[in-house]
Protein backbone atom coordinates (compact mmCIF):
# COMPACT_ATOMS: atom_id res chain seq x y z
CA UNK A 1 36.04 5.37 5.96
CA UNK A 2 36.99 2.20 7.64
CA UNK A 3 34.00 0.88 8.60
CA UNK A 4 33.83 -3.02 9.74
CA UNK A 5 30.62 -3.79 8.53
CA UNK A 6 28.60 -6.95 8.89
CA UNK A 7 27.76 -8.68 5.63
CA UNK A 8 24.27 -9.29 4.65
CA UNK A 9 24.30 -12.29 1.91
CA UNK A 10 20.90 -10.57 0.77
CA UNK A 11 22.00 -6.96 -0.37
CA UNK A 12 25.08 -9.04 -2.98
CA UNK A 13 24.38 -7.86 -6.38
CA UNK A 14 21.10 -5.63 -5.50
CA UNK A 15 20.08 -2.66 -6.65
CA UNK A 16 20.22 0.19 -4.23
CA UNK A 17 19.08 3.49 -5.19
CA UNK A 18 20.28 6.81 -2.59
CA UNK A 19 19.83 10.39 -2.37
CA UNK A 20 22.70 12.95 -1.63
CA UNK A 21 24.59 10.41 -1.60
CA UNK A 22 27.60 12.68 -2.58
CA UNK A 23 28.88 13.49 1.01
CA UNK A 24 27.87 13.36 4.64
CA UNK A 25 25.71 10.42 5.99
CA UNK A 26 24.94 9.78 2.25
CA UNK A 27 28.54 8.92 0.89
CA UNK A 28 29.26 6.39 3.79
CA UNK A 29 25.68 4.88 2.99
CA UNK A 30 27.16 4.71 -0.92
CA UNK A 31 30.06 2.99 0.28
CA UNK A 32 28.35 0.66 2.71
CA UNK A 33 26.03 -1.08 0.16
CA UNK A 34 29.32 -0.78 -1.80
CA UNK A 35 30.98 -3.35 0.78
CA UNK A 36 27.71 -5.74 0.67
CA UNK A 37 28.59 -6.16 -3.41
CA UNK A 38 25.67 -3.92 -4.09
CA UNK A 39 24.89 -2.22 -7.01
CA UNK A 40 24.21 1.09 -5.94
CA UNK A 41 23.33 3.86 -7.60
CA UNK A 42 22.91 7.92 -6.09
CA UNK A 43 21.91 11.32 -7.18
CA UNK A 44 23.31 14.47 -5.76
CA UNK A 45 23.43 18.40 -6.30
CA UNK A 46 27.55 18.02 -5.73
CA UNK A 47 28.52 16.56 -8.84
CA UNK A 48 32.57 16.92 -8.15
CA UNK A 49 31.98 15.24 -5.50
CA UNK A 50 29.61 12.58 -6.89
CA UNK A 51 32.20 12.08 -9.70
CA UNK A 52 34.95 11.74 -7.06
CA UNK A 53 33.01 8.88 -4.89
CA UNK A 54 32.74 7.10 -7.71
CA UNK A 55 36.08 6.72 -8.43
CA UNK A 56 36.92 5.85 -5.05
CA UNK A 57 34.37 3.00 -4.33
CA UNK A 58 34.59 1.29 -7.58
CA UNK A 59 38.38 1.45 -6.69
CA UNK A 60 38.30 0.43 -3.36
CA UNK A 61 35.04 -3.03 -4.25
CA UNK A 62 34.22 -5.19 -7.00
CA UNK A 63 31.07 -3.62 -7.28
CA UNK A 64 28.79 -0.91 -9.68
CA UNK A 65 28.33 3.01 -8.76
CA UNK A 66 26.84 4.76 -11.02
CA UNK A 67 26.22 8.69 -10.19
CA UNK A 68 23.58 11.16 -11.62
CA UNK A 69 23.84 14.93 -10.80
CA UNK A 70 20.49 16.05 -10.19
CA UNK A 71 18.38 18.83 -8.27
CA UNK A 72 15.73 17.00 -6.28
CA UNK A 73 13.98 19.78 -5.96
CA UNK A 74 12.99 19.49 -9.91
CA UNK A 75 10.34 16.39 -9.34
CA UNK A 76 10.47 16.19 -13.24
CA UNK A 77 14.50 16.14 -12.83
CA UNK A 78 14.31 13.38 -9.70
CA UNK A 79 11.63 11.25 -11.98
CA UNK A 80 14.31 11.31 -15.06
CA UNK A 81 17.26 10.58 -13.06
CA UNK A 82 15.82 7.76 -11.15
CA UNK A 83 14.35 6.28 -14.29
CA UNK A 84 17.22 6.17 -15.94
CA UNK A 85 19.21 5.11 -13.53
CA UNK A 86 17.26 1.94 -13.19
CA UNK A 87 17.92 1.27 -16.91
CA UNK A 88 21.50 0.97 -16.22
CA UNK A 89 21.76 -0.89 -12.43
CA UNK A 90 18.42 -3.07 -13.19
CA UNK A 91 15.12 -2.11 -11.33
CA UNK A 92 16.02 -0.83 -7.43
CA UNK A 93 14.59 -3.09 -4.71
CA UNK A 94 15.59 -0.54 -2.29
CA UNK A 95 15.76 3.43 -2.27
CA UNK A 96 16.99 5.28 0.91
CA UNK A 97 15.25 9.06 1.01
CA UNK A 98 18.62 10.53 2.64
CA UNK A 99 18.69 14.08 1.15
CA UNK A 100 18.74 16.97 3.54
CA UNK A 101 19.41 20.71 3.94
CA UNK A 102 19.75 21.98 7.90
CA UNK A 103 19.43 25.57 7.02
CA UNK A 104 18.94 27.55 9.72
CA UNK A 105 16.29 30.00 10.05
CA UNK A 106 14.71 32.44 12.86
CA UNK A 107 10.99 31.75 12.46
CA UNK A 108 10.25 35.55 13.20
CA UNK A 109 11.92 36.32 9.50
CA UNK A 110 11.33 33.28 7.68
CA UNK A 111 10.44 33.95 4.63
CA UNK A 112 6.76 32.51 2.63
CA UNK A 113 9.36 31.09 -0.40
CA UNK A 114 12.29 30.01 2.26
CA UNK A 115 9.63 27.63 4.23
CA UNK A 116 8.85 26.21 0.57
CA UNK A 117 12.04 25.90 -0.38
CA UNK A 118 13.14 23.69 2.63
CA UNK A 119 10.12 21.21 2.33
CA UNK A 120 11.57 20.67 -1.55
CA UNK A 121 14.45 19.33 -0.52
CA UNK A 122 13.47 18.19 2.80
CA UNK A 123 9.95 16.10 2.18
CA UNK A 124 8.68 16.36 -1.30
CA UNK A 125 11.94 14.50 -3.09
CA UNK A 126 11.12 11.76 -0.32
CA UNK A 127 7.34 10.85 -1.60
CA UNK A 128 8.27 11.66 -5.77
CA UNK A 129 11.22 9.14 -5.20
CA UNK A 130 8.71 6.75 -3.36
CA UNK A 131 6.44 7.13 -6.21
CA UNK A 132 8.86 6.22 -9.05
CA UNK A 133 10.70 3.39 -7.66
CA UNK A 134 7.15 1.55 -6.38
CA UNK A 135 6.60 0.07 -9.68
CA UNK A 136 9.67 -1.12 -10.12
CA UNK A 137 9.78 -2.92 -6.80
CA UNK A 138 6.31 -4.23 -7.20
CA UNK A 139 7.02 -6.29 -10.48
CA UNK A 140 9.85 -7.59 -8.89
CA UNK A 141 8.12 -8.99 -5.87
CA UNK A 142 9.15 -6.62 -2.85
CA UNK A 143 11.29 -3.83 -1.95
CA UNK A 144 12.62 -1.66 0.40
CA UNK A 145 12.00 1.87 1.19
CA UNK A 146 14.05 3.91 4.01
CA UNK A 147 13.59 7.44 5.15
CA UNK A 148 15.80 9.53 6.96
CA UNK A 149 14.34 11.73 9.58
CA UNK A 150 15.38 13.48 12.39
CA UNK A 151 15.26 13.56 16.18
CA UNK A 152 14.81 17.35 15.67
CA UNK A 153 11.27 15.76 14.71
CA UNK A 154 10.57 15.32 18.11
CA UNK A 155 12.18 17.48 19.92
CA UNK A 156 12.01 20.79 18.13
CA UNK A 157 15.27 22.61 18.62
CA UNK A 158 15.17 26.28 17.53
CA UNK A 159 15.93 27.70 14.13
CA UNK A 160 14.64 24.85 12.35
CA UNK A 161 10.98 25.08 11.98
CA UNK A 162 10.52 23.86 7.98
CA UNK A 163 13.33 21.15 8.49
CA UNK A 164 11.44 20.11 11.66
CA UNK A 165 8.28 20.01 9.96
CA UNK A 166 9.61 18.18 7.14
CA UNK A 167 11.40 15.37 9.54
CA UNK A 168 7.88 14.86 11.57
CA UNK A 169 5.86 15.03 8.25
CA UNK A 170 8.14 11.75 7.27
CA UNK A 171 7.33 9.80 10.42
CA UNK A 172 3.85 10.33 8.85
CA UNK A 173 4.55 9.33 5.30
CA UNK A 174 6.56 6.11 6.30
CA UNK A 175 3.39 5.30 8.17
CA UNK A 176 0.82 5.54 5.10
CA UNK A 177 3.18 4.22 2.36
CA UNK A 178 3.89 0.88 4.53
CA UNK A 179 0.20 0.39 4.11
CA UNK A 180 -0.20 1.74 0.75
CA UNK A 181 2.89 -0.52 -0.73
CA UNK A 182 2.58 -3.54 2.26
CA UNK A 183 0.36 -5.61 -0.34
CA UNK A 184 3.32 -5.32 -2.63
CA UNK A 185 5.85 -6.42 -0.26
CA UNK A 186 7.45 -3.14 -0.09
CA UNK A 187 8.33 -2.35 3.52
CA UNK A 188 8.92 1.24 4.51
CA UNK A 189 10.86 2.35 7.76
CA UNK A 190 12.25 5.59 8.75
CA UNK A 191 15.46 5.88 10.58
CA UNK A 192 15.55 9.08 12.98
CA UNK A 193 19.40 9.81 13.97
CA UNK A 194 20.54 12.16 16.75
CA UNK A 195 23.42 14.78 15.76
CA UNK A 196 25.72 12.53 13.67
CA UNK A 197 29.05 14.47 13.38
CA UNK A 198 29.94 15.00 9.57
CA UNK A 199 32.00 16.97 8.06
CA UNK A 200 29.33 19.69 7.32
CA UNK A 201 28.43 19.23 10.96
CA UNK A 202 32.08 19.86 12.20
CA UNK A 203 32.27 23.01 9.85
CA UNK A 204 29.12 24.78 10.61
CA UNK A 205 27.77 23.76 14.10
CA UNK A 206 30.38 21.72 16.46
CA UNK A 207 31.46 24.11 18.81
CA UNK A 208 33.05 22.75 22.00
CA UNK A 209 30.34 24.08 24.22
CA UNK A 210 27.39 22.75 21.61
CA UNK A 211 28.91 18.94 21.79
CA UNK A 212 29.55 19.57 25.50
CA UNK A 213 25.77 20.76 25.84
CA UNK A 214 25.19 17.56 23.27
CA UNK A 215 26.79 14.90 25.65
CA UNK A 216 25.20 15.98 28.95
CA UNK A 217 21.56 14.86 27.11
CA UNK A 218 22.78 11.56 25.97
CA UNK A 219 23.59 8.31 28.02
CA UNK A 220 26.67 7.57 25.50
CA UNK A 221 29.02 9.73 25.69
CA UNK A 222 29.95 9.18 22.11
CA UNK A 223 29.65 11.00 19.34
CA UNK A 224 27.59 9.25 16.81
CA UNK A 225 29.28 8.66 12.87
CA UNK A 226 27.77 8.65 9.82
CA UNK A 227 29.14 4.88 10.02
CA UNK A 228 26.85 4.16 13.21
CA UNK A 229 23.68 5.15 11.00
CA UNK A 230 24.60 2.88 7.66
CA UNK A 231 24.94 0.09 10.13
CA UNK A 232 21.49 -0.02 10.85
CA UNK A 233 19.99 1.63 7.15
CA UNK A 234 22.38 -1.88 5.82
CA UNK A 235 19.73 -3.90 8.73
CA UNK A 236 17.18 -2.63 6.93
CA UNK A 237 17.45 -2.70 3.90
CA UNK A 238 18.48 -6.67 4.52
CA UNK A 239 16.04 -9.50 3.99
CA UNK A 240 16.89 -9.62 7.92
CA UNK A 241 14.42 -7.90 8.21
CA UNK A 242 11.84 -9.09 6.22
CA UNK A 243 8.63 -8.43 8.73
CA UNK A 244 9.35 -4.72 9.84
CA UNK A 245 7.76 -2.11 8.63
CA UNK A 246 6.23 1.20 9.36
CA UNK A 247 8.33 1.42 11.92
CA UNK A 248 10.53 4.46 13.47
CA UNK A 249 14.15 3.65 14.34
CA UNK A 250 15.80 6.45 16.56
CA UNK A 251 20.02 6.07 16.92
CA UNK A 252 20.98 9.12 19.35
CA UNK A 253 23.04 7.58 21.59
CA UNK A 254 20.13 7.86 24.25
CA UNK A 255 18.98 11.17 24.18
CA UNK A 256 16.75 11.88 27.49
């Protein structure tokens, strides 16, 4: 990654937690916060990728990066990982709820278990991670929570019923927590990305036909990259955004 990130002095030495941080957008977020001099902690189920990312980040940046393997669908395991990381990295002042899985299902044949499994990774961890870090942020006088939704919540593409539902629910969660946590000076916002081209998307979904269709839908005829999303995330996590909360920010190249 060779992104040229704006430097936010307020992010230096702050402790940041990212869920689903080992690959894709999450890995880009880890590197982006590392570039700011933040202490970056992240959880992911992919142990090999997580350890490799720590080595890469610490070799490239003068910062501390810490990884904990974690199945975020197991809420007790998620809570324990967050508390362990806070002991190592200090109380978190930023939480980035990034973890997701956009597995496709035909709604006519979607089983009850598959429905619950999707919500277990795409929705539930965001709330319980926020609940776990709230007291850590409150005793420091504030913090930032950023939930990753998706424009799928707005457009409802096919074969993603549970994923679309979870991403829509994250918008409601953002509003709710912004109100409930505001008295603790904790800001809560949502980022709503369009089709961000990660390695997973390249391997599984981005055919020439699909990309041509996408480019026909958007105003800016370029791919959205993880770095584009990371730049918005850095701003919202910084003190430059100190009076922004309860909002959603769409980054989709202008899909109409």
